[in-house]
Amino acid sequence: MKIPFARTLLIVALACFTTLFAGAQSSVAPEKTTAKESDAEQEVRRLNAEEVTAFLQRDQNAMARVWSDDMVVTNPLNKFVTKRQVLGMVKSGFLVITAYDRQTEYVRVYGDTVIVAGSETVTWGGQMPNAGKVEHLRFTAIWMKQDGRWQEVARHANIIPQK
C-alpha cells in the first residue's frame, strides 16, 4: 500500500506538533485506553526494539520488514532519505551503529497510526562523518498499520547539540 507523499508529510507534521506538546500531556489525567489501542502500542514498542536490534546486527532484512516500502527519514545528518537509501547505506558499510540505546518517552495511538517519540544515544561506526562519536538524539517516528501489520512510515531524528 503506497501512501501519497503529501499524506506522509502531513503525518510527519502531525508528529512534530504532537511531540512539542507531549510534555504537556504528561500532566493531564490519563485517558482510558482501549484493548485495541493497548495491543497496537505493545506491538509498536516491540517493533521499535526489533529495529534497534536490527541496526546493531546490521540486519537489513529485519529493517526492511519493519519499514514500509515508502518510508522516509530525515536523518541526524539532516538528509532526507528513503528506505532504499538507508538500506543501501547499511549495506555499503557507511551507516553503522555500534551501540544504541533508545528511550521511548511518548506513544500515542490514533487508530491505524501510532506516534512514537523519545531520545536515543548512539555510537556511530562505519564511514559516517561522526564515526567513533557517542551522540544523543531526539526522534519522532510514525507507524501505520498497512496490509494487516505495523510498519514505520516516517522518522525524524536530530542530534542534540552539546552545551
N, C-alpha and C. Protein backbone atom coordinates (compact mmCIF):
# COMPACT_ATOMS: atom_id res chain seq x y z
N MET A 1 0.84 -1.17 0.00
CA MET A 1 0.00 0.00 0.00
C MET A 1 0.89 1.23 0.00
N LYS A 2 0.78 2.05 -0.99
CA LYS A 2 1.57 3.27 -1.09
C LYS A 2 0.80 4.42 -0.45
N ILE A 3 1.52 5.27 0.23
CA ILE A 3 0.92 6.45 0.84
C ILE A 3 1.39 7.65 0.03
N PRO A 4 0.48 8.50 -0.44
CA PRO A 4 0.90 9.68 -1.19
C PRO A 4 1.87 10.51 -0.36
N PHE A 5 2.84 11.11 -1.04
CA PHE A 5 3.88 11.89 -0.39
C PHE A 5 3.28 13.00 0.48
N ALA A 6 2.26 13.68 -0.01
CA ALA A 6 1.64 14.77 0.75
C ALA A 6 1.05 14.25 2.06
N ARG A 7 0.46 13.07 2.04
CA ARG A 7 -0.10 12.50 3.27
C ARG A 7 1.02 12.16 4.25
N THR A 8 2.14 11.63 3.74
CA THR A 8 3.28 11.32 4.60
C THR A 8 3.80 12.59 5.26
N LEU A 9 3.91 13.68 4.49
CA LEU A 9 4.37 14.94 5.07
C LEU A 9 3.39 15.45 6.11
N LEU A 10 2.10 15.28 5.87
CA LEU A 10 1.10 15.69 6.85
C LEU A 10 1.27 14.89 8.14
N ILE A 11 1.54 13.60 8.02
CA ILE A 11 1.74 12.76 9.19
C ILE A 11 2.98 13.19 9.94
N VAL A 12 4.06 13.52 9.22
CA VAL A 12 5.29 13.99 9.87
C VAL A 12 5.02 15.29 10.61
N ALA A 13 4.27 16.21 9.97
CA ALA A 13 3.94 17.48 10.62
C ALA A 13 3.13 17.23 11.89
N LEU A 14 2.16 16.32 11.81
CA LEU A 14 1.37 15.98 12.99
C LEU A 14 2.27 15.43 14.08
N ALA A 15 3.22 14.60 13.71
CA ALA A 15 4.13 14.02 14.70
C ALA A 15 4.96 15.10 15.38
N CYS A 16 5.45 16.04 14.60
CA CYS A 16 6.25 17.13 15.18
C CYS A 16 5.40 17.96 16.13
N PHE A 17 4.18 18.30 15.71
CA PHE A 17 3.27 19.07 16.56
C PHE A 17 2.96 18.30 17.84
N THR A 18 2.69 17.00 17.68
CA THR A 18 2.37 16.16 18.82
C THR A 18 3.54 16.10 19.79
N THR A 19 4.76 15.98 19.26
CA THR A 19 5.95 15.89 20.10
C THR A 19 6.14 17.16 20.91
N LEU A 20 5.86 18.32 20.31
CA LEU A 20 6.01 19.58 21.02
C LEU A 20 5.14 19.63 22.27
N PHE A 21 3.97 19.01 22.20
CA PHE A 21 3.03 19.07 23.30
C PHE A 21 3.00 17.80 24.14
N ALA A 22 3.92 16.87 23.89
CA ALA A 22 3.94 15.62 24.64
C ALA A 22 4.17 15.86 26.13
N GLY A 23 5.04 16.80 26.46
CA GLY A 23 5.30 17.11 27.85
C GLY A 23 4.07 17.62 28.56
N ALA A 24 3.29 18.44 27.88
CA ALA A 24 2.07 18.96 28.48
C ALA A 24 1.08 17.85 28.76
N GLN A 25 1.06 16.82 27.92
CA GLN A 25 0.14 15.71 28.10
C GLN A 25 0.43 14.94 29.38
N SER A 26 1.71 14.91 29.81
CA SER A 26 2.06 14.11 30.97
C SER A 26 1.41 14.64 32.24
N SER A 27 1.02 15.92 32.28
CA SER A 27 0.40 16.46 33.47
C SER A 27 -1.12 16.32 33.45
N VAL A 28 -1.67 15.83 32.36
CA VAL A 28 -3.11 15.65 32.24
C VAL A 28 -3.46 14.24 32.71
N ALA A 29 -4.61 14.09 33.31
CA ALA A 29 -5.05 12.76 33.76
C ALA A 29 -5.07 11.81 32.57
N PRO A 30 -4.59 10.58 32.76
CA PRO A 30 -4.54 9.63 31.64
C PRO A 30 -5.93 9.31 31.11
N GLU A 31 -6.00 9.17 29.81
CA GLU A 31 -7.26 8.80 29.18
C GLU A 31 -7.40 7.29 29.23
N LYS A 32 -8.62 6.82 29.15
CA LYS A 32 -8.84 5.38 29.11
C LYS A 32 -8.34 4.84 27.78
N THR A 33 -7.63 3.74 27.84
CA THR A 33 -7.08 3.12 26.65
C THR A 33 -7.88 1.87 26.34
N THR A 34 -8.27 1.73 25.09
CA THR A 34 -9.00 0.53 24.69
C THR A 34 -8.01 -0.62 24.53
N ALA A 35 -8.52 -1.84 24.53
CA ALA A 35 -7.67 -3.02 24.35
C ALA A 35 -6.97 -2.97 23.00
N LYS A 36 -7.69 -2.50 21.97
CA LYS A 36 -7.10 -2.40 20.64
C LYS A 36 -5.93 -1.43 20.63
N GLU A 37 -6.09 -0.27 21.31
CA GLU A 37 -5.00 0.71 21.39
C GLU A 37 -3.82 0.14 22.17
N SER A 38 -4.12 -0.57 23.26
CA SER A 38 -3.07 -1.17 24.06
C SER A 38 -2.29 -2.21 23.24
N ASP A 39 -3.00 -3.04 22.48
CA ASP A 39 -2.35 -4.03 21.61
C ASP A 39 -1.47 -3.34 20.58
N ALA A 40 -1.98 -2.27 19.99
CA ALA A 40 -1.20 -1.53 18.98
C ALA A 40 0.05 -0.95 19.62
N GLU A 41 -0.10 -0.33 20.79
CA GLU A 41 1.07 0.25 21.46
C GLU A 41 2.11 -0.81 21.77
N GLN A 42 1.68 -1.93 22.30
CA GLN A 42 2.62 -3.00 22.65
C GLN A 42 3.34 -3.54 21.41
N GLU A 43 2.61 -3.70 20.32
CA GLU A 43 3.22 -4.21 19.10
C GLU A 43 4.23 -3.21 18.54
N VAL A 44 3.89 -1.94 18.54
CA VAL A 44 4.83 -0.93 18.03
C VAL A 44 6.05 -0.82 18.94
N ARG A 45 5.85 -0.93 20.24
CA ARG A 45 7.00 -0.93 21.16
C ARG A 45 7.92 -2.12 20.85
N ARG A 46 7.34 -3.28 20.59
CA ARG A 46 8.13 -4.47 20.26
C ARG A 46 8.91 -4.25 18.96
N LEU A 47 8.23 -3.67 17.97
CA LEU A 47 8.89 -3.42 16.68
C LEU A 47 9.99 -2.36 16.81
N ASN A 48 9.81 -1.39 17.69
CA ASN A 48 10.87 -0.41 17.95
C ASN A 48 12.12 -1.10 18.48
N ALA A 49 11.94 -2.03 19.40
CA ALA A 49 13.07 -2.79 19.94
C ALA A 49 13.71 -3.64 18.85
N GLU A 50 12.88 -4.22 17.99
CA GLU A 50 13.40 -5.02 16.87
C GLU A 50 14.22 -4.15 15.92
N GLU A 51 13.79 -2.92 15.71
CA GLU A 51 14.52 -2.00 14.83
C GLU A 51 15.91 -1.70 15.40
N VAL A 52 16.00 -1.46 16.71
CA VAL A 52 17.29 -1.19 17.35
C VAL A 52 18.21 -2.39 17.18
N THR A 53 17.69 -3.58 17.46
CA THR A 53 18.49 -4.80 17.31
C THR A 53 18.94 -4.98 15.87
N ALA A 54 18.07 -4.69 14.92
CA ALA A 54 18.43 -4.82 13.51
C ALA A 54 19.60 -3.90 13.15
N PHE A 55 19.59 -2.67 13.67
CA PHE A 55 20.72 -1.76 13.42
C PHE A 55 22.00 -2.31 14.03
N LEU A 56 21.94 -2.76 15.26
CA LEU A 56 23.14 -3.27 15.93
C LEU A 56 23.70 -4.50 15.24
N GLN A 57 22.82 -5.32 14.67
CA GLN A 57 23.26 -6.54 13.97
C GLN A 57 23.45 -6.33 12.48
N ARG A 58 23.19 -5.10 12.02
CA ARG A 58 23.27 -4.75 10.59
C ARG A 58 22.41 -5.69 9.75
N ASP A 59 21.23 -5.99 10.28
CA ASP A 59 20.30 -6.93 9.65
C ASP A 59 19.34 -6.18 8.73
N GLN A 60 19.73 -6.06 7.48
CA GLN A 60 18.93 -5.32 6.51
C GLN A 60 17.56 -5.96 6.29
N ASN A 61 17.47 -7.28 6.37
CA ASN A 61 16.19 -7.96 6.18
C ASN A 61 15.21 -7.59 7.28
N ALA A 62 15.69 -7.52 8.52
CA ALA A 62 14.81 -7.14 9.63
C ALA A 62 14.37 -5.68 9.47
N MET A 63 15.31 -4.82 9.05
CA MET A 63 14.95 -3.42 8.83
C MET A 63 13.88 -3.32 7.75
N ALA A 64 14.06 -4.04 6.68
CA ALA A 64 13.12 -3.99 5.56
C ALA A 64 11.73 -4.47 5.98
N ARG A 65 11.67 -5.42 6.92
CA ARG A 65 10.37 -5.92 7.40
C ARG A 65 9.62 -4.87 8.21
N VAL A 66 10.31 -4.12 9.05
CA VAL A 66 9.60 -3.18 9.93
C VAL A 66 9.34 -1.84 9.25
N TRP A 67 10.00 -1.58 8.14
CA TRP A 67 9.82 -0.31 7.44
C TRP A 67 8.89 -0.47 6.24
N SER A 68 7.99 0.45 6.08
CA SER A 68 7.13 0.49 4.90
C SER A 68 7.99 0.74 3.67
N ASP A 69 7.55 0.23 2.53
CA ASP A 69 8.32 0.45 1.29
C ASP A 69 8.46 1.93 0.96
N ASP A 70 7.51 2.75 1.40
CA ASP A 70 7.58 4.17 1.10
C ASP A 70 8.01 5.01 2.31
N MET A 71 8.73 4.36 3.26
CA MET A 71 9.22 5.08 4.42
C MET A 71 10.19 6.19 4.01
N VAL A 72 10.10 7.31 4.73
CA VAL A 72 11.04 8.42 4.54
C VAL A 72 11.63 8.79 5.90
N VAL A 73 12.86 9.30 5.85
CA VAL A 73 13.57 9.64 7.08
C VAL A 73 14.28 10.98 6.89
N THR A 74 14.14 11.86 7.86
CA THR A 74 15.06 12.99 7.98
C THR A 74 16.06 12.52 9.01
N ASN A 75 17.30 12.25 8.57
CA ASN A 75 18.26 11.60 9.45
C ASN A 75 19.10 12.61 10.23
N PRO A 76 19.90 12.13 11.18
CA PRO A 76 20.70 13.04 12.01
C PRO A 76 21.73 13.87 11.24
N LEU A 77 22.00 13.49 9.99
CA LEU A 77 22.91 14.29 9.15
C LEU A 77 22.13 15.33 8.35
N ASN A 78 20.84 15.51 8.70
CA ASN A 78 19.94 16.46 8.04
C ASN A 78 19.74 16.15 6.56
N LYS A 79 19.73 14.87 6.24
CA LYS A 79 19.44 14.41 4.88
C LYS A 79 18.07 13.75 4.88
N PHE A 80 17.31 14.00 3.83
CA PHE A 80 16.01 13.37 3.64
C PHE A 80 16.24 12.14 2.77
N VAL A 81 15.99 10.95 3.31
CA VAL A 81 16.30 9.71 2.61
C VAL A 81 15.12 8.75 2.64
N THR A 82 15.15 7.80 1.71
CA THR A 82 14.12 6.78 1.60
C THR A 82 14.59 5.47 2.22
N LYS A 83 13.67 4.54 2.34
CA LYS A 83 14.01 3.21 2.84
C LYS A 83 15.15 2.61 2.02
N ARG A 84 15.02 2.67 0.72
CA ARG A 84 16.04 2.09 -0.17
C ARG A 84 17.41 2.72 0.09
N GLN A 85 17.45 4.04 0.28
CA GLN A 85 18.72 4.71 0.52
C GLN A 85 19.32 4.32 1.87
N VAL A 86 18.49 4.20 2.90
CA VAL A 86 19.01 3.80 4.21
C VAL A 86 19.56 2.38 4.13
N LEU A 87 18.82 1.48 3.52
CA LEU A 87 19.30 0.10 3.38
C LEU A 87 20.61 0.06 2.59
N GLY A 88 20.73 0.91 1.57
CA GLY A 88 21.97 0.99 0.80
C GLY A 88 23.14 1.47 1.65
N MET A 89 22.88 2.44 2.54
CA MET A 89 23.95 2.94 3.42
C MET A 89 24.40 1.86 4.40
N VAL A 90 23.45 1.06 4.87
CA VAL A 90 23.79 -0.04 5.78
C VAL A 90 24.58 -1.10 5.02
N LYS A 91 24.11 -1.46 3.84
CA LYS A 91 24.78 -2.50 3.04
C LYS A 91 26.20 -2.10 2.68
N SER A 92 26.41 -0.83 2.35
CA SER A 92 27.74 -0.36 1.94
C SER A 92 28.70 -0.22 3.11
N GLY A 93 28.19 -0.26 4.33
CA GLY A 93 29.04 -0.07 5.49
C GLY A 93 29.20 1.39 5.88
N PHE A 94 28.51 2.29 5.17
CA PHE A 94 28.57 3.70 5.53
C PHE A 94 27.87 3.93 6.86
N LEU A 95 26.64 3.41 7.00
CA LEU A 95 25.84 3.59 8.22
C LEU A 95 26.01 2.38 9.12
N VAL A 96 26.74 2.59 10.20
CA VAL A 96 26.96 1.55 11.20
C VAL A 96 26.71 2.18 12.56
N ILE A 97 25.96 1.48 13.38
CA ILE A 97 25.75 1.90 14.77
C ILE A 97 26.30 0.78 15.65
N THR A 98 27.28 1.11 16.48
CA THR A 98 27.93 0.09 17.30
C THR A 98 27.33 -0.02 18.71
N ALA A 99 26.65 1.03 19.15
CA ALA A 99 25.92 0.99 20.43
C ALA A 99 24.68 1.85 20.25
N TYR A 100 23.54 1.37 20.80
CA TYR A 100 22.27 2.05 20.53
C TYR A 100 21.35 1.86 21.73
N ASP A 101 20.99 2.97 22.36
CA ASP A 101 20.05 2.94 23.47
C ASP A 101 18.90 3.88 23.13
N ARG A 102 17.71 3.34 22.99
CA ARG A 102 16.53 4.13 22.66
C ARG A 102 15.61 4.18 23.88
N GLN A 103 15.22 5.39 24.26
CA GLN A 103 14.29 5.60 25.36
C GLN A 103 13.00 6.16 24.78
N THR A 104 11.96 5.36 24.80
CA THR A 104 10.66 5.81 24.31
C THR A 104 9.98 6.59 25.42
N GLU A 105 9.65 7.84 25.13
CA GLU A 105 9.05 8.72 26.12
C GLU A 105 7.58 9.01 25.85
N TYR A 106 7.13 8.70 24.65
CA TYR A 106 5.77 9.06 24.26
C TYR A 106 5.29 8.09 23.19
N VAL A 107 4.13 7.51 23.42
CA VAL A 107 3.47 6.67 22.42
C VAL A 107 2.01 7.05 22.42
N ARG A 108 1.47 7.33 21.25
CA ARG A 108 0.04 7.68 21.15
C ARG A 108 -0.55 6.97 19.95
N VAL A 109 -1.65 6.27 20.18
CA VAL A 109 -2.34 5.53 19.13
C VAL A 109 -3.48 6.38 18.59
N TYR A 110 -3.52 6.54 17.28
CA TYR A 110 -4.59 7.25 16.58
C TYR A 110 -5.16 6.28 15.54
N GLY A 111 -5.95 5.33 15.97
CA GLY A 111 -6.49 4.34 15.05
C GLY A 111 -5.39 3.48 14.47
N ASP A 112 -5.20 3.58 13.15
CA ASP A 112 -4.17 2.79 12.46
C ASP A 112 -2.85 3.54 12.33
N THR A 113 -2.67 4.57 13.15
CA THR A 113 -1.42 5.33 13.17
C THR A 113 -0.94 5.45 14.61
N VAL A 114 0.36 5.27 14.80
CA VAL A 114 0.96 5.40 16.13
C VAL A 114 2.13 6.36 16.03
N ILE A 115 2.16 7.34 16.94
CA ILE A 115 3.27 8.29 17.02
C ILE A 115 4.15 7.86 18.19
N VAL A 116 5.45 7.78 17.95
CA VAL A 116 6.42 7.41 18.98
C VAL A 116 7.47 8.51 19.02
N ALA A 117 7.85 8.94 20.21
CA ALA A 117 8.90 9.96 20.35
C ALA A 117 9.74 9.64 21.57
N GLY A 118 10.99 10.09 21.51
CA GLY A 118 11.87 9.86 22.64
C GLY A 118 13.27 10.33 22.36
N SER A 119 14.20 9.68 23.05
CA SER A 119 15.61 10.04 22.90
C SER A 119 16.43 8.79 22.61
N GLU A 120 17.59 9.01 22.03
CA GLU A 120 18.48 7.91 21.69
C GLU A 120 19.92 8.32 21.99
N THR A 121 20.72 7.35 22.39
CA THR A 121 22.16 7.54 22.50
C THR A 121 22.78 6.51 21.57
N VAL A 122 23.56 6.98 20.62
CA VAL A 122 24.17 6.08 19.64
C VAL A 122 25.67 6.31 19.57
N THR A 123 26.38 5.24 19.25
CA THR A 123 27.79 5.33 18.91
C THR A 123 27.89 4.97 17.44
N TRP A 124 28.37 5.91 16.65
CA TRP A 124 28.44 5.72 15.20
C TRP A 124 29.69 4.94 14.83
N GLY A 125 29.59 4.22 13.73
CA GLY A 125 30.72 3.50 13.17
C GLY A 125 30.72 3.66 11.67
N GLY A 126 31.34 2.72 10.99
CA GLY A 126 31.35 2.74 9.53
C GLY A 126 32.08 3.96 8.99
N GLN A 127 31.57 4.49 7.91
CA GLN A 127 32.19 5.65 7.27
C GLN A 127 31.43 6.94 7.57
N MET A 128 30.61 6.90 8.60
CA MET A 128 29.87 8.09 8.99
C MET A 128 30.87 9.20 9.33
N PRO A 129 30.53 10.45 9.03
CA PRO A 129 31.44 11.55 9.37
C PRO A 129 31.68 11.66 10.88
N ASN A 130 30.76 11.13 11.67
CA ASN A 130 30.90 11.18 13.12
C ASN A 130 31.25 9.81 13.72
N ALA A 131 31.88 8.94 12.91
CA ALA A 131 32.26 7.59 13.37
C ALA A 131 33.13 7.70 14.63
N GLY A 132 32.83 6.82 15.58
CA GLY A 132 33.57 6.80 16.83
C GLY A 132 32.99 7.73 17.89
N LYS A 133 32.06 8.58 17.51
CA LYS A 133 31.44 9.51 18.46
C LYS A 133 30.19 8.92 19.08
N VAL A 134 29.97 9.29 20.33
CA VAL A 134 28.71 9.00 21.00
C VAL A 134 27.88 10.27 20.90
N GLU A 135 26.65 10.13 20.41
CA GLU A 135 25.79 11.31 20.27
C GLU A 135 24.41 11.01 20.82
N HIS A 136 23.77 12.08 21.28
CA HIS A 136 22.42 11.99 21.82
C HIS A 136 21.47 12.60 20.80
N LEU A 137 20.36 11.91 20.56
CA LEU A 137 19.38 12.34 19.56
C LEU A 137 17.99 12.44 20.17
N ARG A 138 17.15 13.21 19.51
CA ARG A 138 15.71 13.20 19.75
C ARG A 138 15.10 12.63 18.48
N PHE A 139 14.03 11.86 18.63
CA PHE A 139 13.41 11.26 17.45
C PHE A 139 11.89 11.29 17.57
N THR A 140 11.26 11.26 16.41
CA THR A 140 9.83 11.06 16.29
C THR A 140 9.64 10.06 15.16
N ALA A 141 8.84 9.04 15.39
CA ALA A 141 8.58 8.02 14.37
C ALA A 141 7.07 7.84 14.22
N ILE A 142 6.66 7.60 12.99
CA ILE A 142 5.25 7.36 12.70
C ILE A 142 5.11 5.95 12.16
N TRP A 143 4.23 5.20 12.78
CA TRP A 143 3.95 3.82 12.39
C TRP A 143 2.50 3.76 11.91
N MET A 144 2.25 2.97 10.88
CA MET A 144 0.89 2.77 10.38
C MET A 144 0.65 1.29 10.17
N LYS A 145 -0.59 0.91 10.35
CA LYS A 145 -0.96 -0.47 10.07
C LYS A 145 -1.24 -0.55 8.57
N GLN A 146 -0.43 -1.34 7.89
CA GLN A 146 -0.53 -1.50 6.44
C GLN A 146 -0.62 -2.99 6.13
N ASP A 147 -1.62 -3.36 5.36
CA ASP A 147 -1.81 -4.76 4.99
C ASP A 147 -1.79 -5.68 6.22
N GLY A 148 -2.41 -5.21 7.31
CA GLY A 148 -2.55 -6.03 8.50
C GLY A 148 -1.37 -6.05 9.44
N ARG A 149 -0.32 -5.27 9.16
CA ARG A 149 0.83 -5.26 10.08
C ARG A 149 1.36 -3.85 10.24
N TRP A 150 1.97 -3.60 11.40
CA TRP A 150 2.52 -2.29 11.71
C TRP A 150 3.86 -2.10 11.02
N GLN A 151 4.00 -0.95 10.37
CA GLN A 151 5.26 -0.61 9.72
C GLN A 151 5.57 0.87 9.95
N GLU A 152 6.85 1.16 10.07
CA GLU A 152 7.27 2.55 10.23
C GLU A 152 7.21 3.23 8.87
N VAL A 153 6.54 4.38 8.81
CA VAL A 153 6.37 5.09 7.53
C VAL A 153 7.17 6.38 7.46
N ALA A 154 7.52 6.95 8.61
CA ALA A 154 8.30 8.19 8.61
C ALA A 154 9.04 8.31 9.93
N ARG A 155 10.18 8.98 9.85
CA ARG A 155 11.02 9.17 11.05
C ARG A 155 11.80 10.46 10.90
N HIS A 156 11.94 11.15 12.01
CA HIS A 156 12.81 12.32 12.06
C HIS A 156 13.71 12.14 13.26
N ALA A 157 15.00 12.35 13.08
CA ALA A 157 15.94 12.28 14.20
C ALA A 157 16.94 13.41 14.06
N ASN A 158 17.22 14.06 15.17
CA ASN A 158 18.24 15.10 15.12
C ASN A 158 19.19 14.95 16.30
N ILE A 159 20.42 15.38 16.08
CA ILE A 159 21.44 15.33 17.11
C ILE A 159 21.20 16.50 18.07
N ILE A 160 21.22 16.22 19.35
CA ILE A 160 21.08 17.27 20.36
C ILE A 160 22.44 17.96 20.47
N PRO A 161 22.50 19.25 20.22
CA PRO A 161 23.78 19.96 20.29
C PRO A 161 24.36 19.89 21.71
N GLN A 162 25.68 19.74 21.78
CA GLN A 162 26.36 19.75 23.08
C GLN A 162 26.40 21.16 23.60
N LYS A 163 26.27 21.31 24.90
CA LYS A 163 26.28 22.66 25.50
C LYS A 163 27.66 23.02 25.96
